[in-house]
């Protein structure tokens, strides 16, 4: 079930939130797709530096 966000909603986590919650959960639950939508996996060797998201 995907949540619908209101128009204008922005996601601006702090560095502490990224490391303390999202990245930790992403590492502990690699099969959980919810965190891959927030922190995508990008192969940096397939892109030039100016093309990285």
Protein backbone atom coordinates (compact mmCIF):
# COMPACT_ATOMS: atom_id res chain seq x y z
CA UNK A 1 0.00 0.00 0.00
CA UNK A 2 1.60 3.24 -1.14
CA UNK A 3 0.86 6.42 0.78
CA UNK A 4 -0.37 9.46 -1.10
CA UNK A 5 1.34 12.69 -0.08
CA UNK A 6 -0.24 16.10 -0.24
CA UNK A 7 0.93 18.43 -3.03
CA UNK A 8 3.93 20.46 -1.96
CA UNK A 9 5.21 17.87 0.51
CA UNK A 10 9.01 17.84 0.65
CA UNK A 11 11.37 15.33 2.17
CA UNK A 12 14.33 17.08 3.81
CA UNK A 13 15.82 14.74 6.41
CA UNK A 14 18.73 15.88 8.54
CA UNK A 15 22.03 14.03 8.34
CA UNK A 16 21.31 12.48 11.73
CA UNK A 17 17.94 11.20 10.50
CA UNK A 18 19.50 9.74 7.36
CA UNK A 19 22.22 7.87 9.20
CA UNK A 20 20.36 7.10 12.40
CA UNK A 21 17.16 5.80 10.88
CA UNK A 22 16.94 5.41 7.12
CA UNK A 23 20.44 4.18 6.33
CA UNK A 24 20.53 1.92 9.37
CA UNK A 25 17.20 0.32 8.42
CA UNK A 26 18.30 0.03 4.79
CA UNK A 27 21.42 -1.88 5.84
CA UNK A 28 19.60 -4.10 8.34
CA UNK A 29 16.69 -4.88 5.98
CA UNK A 30 18.15 -5.03 2.44
CA UNK A 31 15.04 -6.70 1.02
CA UNK A 32 12.66 -4.02 2.33
CA UNK A 33 11.80 -1.89 -0.71
CA UNK A 34 10.49 1.08 1.30
CA UNK A 35 13.97 2.39 2.03
CA UNK A 36 15.21 1.91 -1.54
CA UNK A 37 12.66 4.48 -2.66
CA UNK A 38 14.08 7.00 -0.19
CA UNK A 39 17.78 6.19 -0.58
CA UNK A 40 18.29 4.72 -4.04
CA UNK A 41 21.28 2.55 -4.90
CA UNK A 42 23.34 4.08 -7.70
CA UNK A 43 26.36 2.49 -9.33
CA UNK A 44 28.67 5.51 -9.40
CA UNK A 45 30.96 3.86 -11.95
CA UNK A 46 28.24 3.95 -14.62
CA UNK A 47 27.91 7.76 -14.53
CA UNK A 48 30.04 10.81 -14.95
CA UNK A 49 30.20 12.91 -11.76
CA UNK A 50 27.91 15.61 -13.16
CA UNK A 51 25.26 12.98 -14.01
CA UNK A 52 24.89 11.64 -10.47
CA UNK A 53 21.53 12.31 -8.83
